[in-house]
Amino acid sequence: MALKPLHDRVLVKRTESEEKTSGGLIIPESAKEKPAEGEIVAVGEGLRKDNGELIEMAVKVGDKVLFGKWNGQEITVDGEEMLMMKESDIMGILS
């Protein structure tokens, strides 16, 4: 199933969280926090101004982004957990 976000929404796949601490301790699954960064999988066309002019998206497919811990709606696409969120929920692009 292909999913194309509408307007200023983006589809984000979270990056995997660390399995170990810097000291070498293994983190159990129940204690892991969901990472607040991920990769853009799909983007909408952007918002339109009142006059119909398109405001292009600042992010593109493949960008690694940082977002708020509680932002986005969790959805499942082709058996994978992803987040659908507005572009404004993204705090920055990681380089």
Protein backbone atom coordinates (compact mmCIF):
# COMPACT_ATOMS: atom_id res chain seq x y z
CA MET A 1 0.00 0.00 0.00
CA ALA A 2 1.40 3.40 -0.96
CA LEU A 3 0.45 6.32 1.26
CA LYS A 4 0.77 9.94 0.12
CA PRO A 5 0.31 12.49 2.91
CA LEU A 6 -1.97 15.44 2.17
CA HIS A 7 -1.20 19.15 2.50
CA ASP A 8 1.64 19.85 4.98
CA ARG A 9 1.81 16.38 6.51
CA VAL A 10 4.81 14.03 6.45
CA LEU A 11 5.25 10.31 7.06
CA VAL A 12 8.22 9.55 9.34
CA LYS A 13 9.90 6.25 10.16
CA ARG A 14 11.51 6.39 13.61
CA THR A 15 15.19 5.47 13.89
CA GLU A 16 16.01 2.48 16.04
CA SER A 17 16.85 3.28 19.66
CA GLU A 18 20.14 2.24 21.23
CA GLU A 19 20.39 -1.29 22.61
CA LYS A 20 23.20 -0.40 25.07
CA THR A 21 24.24 2.58 27.16
CA SER A 22 27.63 4.21 26.62
CA GLY A 23 28.85 2.20 29.63
CA GLY A 24 27.87 -1.09 27.99
CA LEU A 25 24.67 -1.86 29.92
CA ILE A 26 21.95 -3.52 27.86
CA ILE A 27 18.67 -1.59 27.95
CA PRO A 28 15.59 -3.84 28.28
CA GLU A 29 12.75 -3.26 25.81
CA SER A 30 10.42 -2.08 28.60
CA ALA A 31 12.83 0.72 29.64
CA LYS A 32 13.59 2.08 26.17
CA GLU A 33 12.23 5.48 25.24
CA LYS A 34 10.89 6.00 21.76
CA PRO A 35 13.43 8.00 19.78
CA ALA A 36 12.49 11.55 18.78
CA GLU A 37 14.25 11.36 15.45
CA GLY A 38 13.52 9.62 12.21
CA GLU A 39 13.64 9.63 8.43
CA ILE A 40 11.06 11.22 6.13
CA VAL A 41 9.40 8.50 4.04
CA ALA A 42 6.74 10.59 2.23
CA VAL A 43 5.68 14.25 2.08
CA GLY A 44 2.54 16.11 1.04
CA GLU A 45 2.56 18.86 -1.57
CA GLY A 46 2.44 21.66 1.02
CA LEU A 47 -0.10 24.21 2.18
CA ARG A 48 -1.87 26.71 -0.03
CA LYS A 49 -2.24 30.40 0.74
CA ASP A 50 -5.68 32.04 0.51
CA ASN A 51 -4.88 33.09 -3.07
CA GLY A 52 -4.11 29.47 -4.05
CA GLU A 53 -0.32 29.87 -4.16
CA LEU A 54 1.51 26.73 -2.97
CA ILE A 55 3.88 26.98 0.01
CA GLU A 56 6.47 24.29 -0.65
CA MET A 57 7.62 21.88 2.04
CA ALA A 58 10.97 22.53 3.75
CA VAL A 59 11.64 18.79 4.14
CA LYS A 60 11.98 16.09 1.51
CA VAL A 61 12.00 12.29 1.39
CA GLY A 62 15.20 10.94 2.94
CA ASP A 63 15.78 13.85 5.35
CA LYS A 64 16.71 12.84 8.90
CA VAL A 65 14.62 14.96 11.27
CA LEU A 66 14.17 15.73 14.96
CA PHE A 67 10.63 16.02 16.35
CA GLY A 68 8.89 16.35 19.70
CA LYS A 69 8.51 13.26 21.85
CA TRP A 70 4.71 13.34 21.75
CA ASN A 71 4.22 14.66 18.20
CA GLY A 72 2.54 12.74 15.43
CA GLN A 73 -0.06 10.04 15.06
CA GLU A 74 1.24 6.47 15.12
CA ILE A 75 0.06 4.44 12.14
CA THR A 76 0.98 1.11 10.57
CA VAL A 77 1.87 1.04 6.87
CA ASP A 78 2.71 -2.32 5.28
CA GLY A 79 3.31 -3.78 8.74
CA GLU A 80 5.74 -1.03 9.80
CA GLU A 81 5.11 1.46 12.61
CA MET A 82 5.37 5.04 11.38
CA LEU A 83 4.32 8.54 12.41
CA MET A 84 2.11 10.95 10.47
CA MET A 85 2.68 14.55 11.54
CA LYS A 86 2.46 18.11 10.32
CA GLU A 87 5.61 19.71 8.99
CA SER A 88 5.40 22.28 11.80
CA ASP A 89 5.87 19.45 14.37
CA ILE A 90 9.40 18.91 13.02
CA MET A 91 12.00 20.84 15.02
CA GLY A 92 14.91 20.47 12.62
CA ILE A 93 16.75 18.55 9.91
CA LEU A 94 19.77 16.55 11.07
CA SER A 95 22.89 16.63 8.89
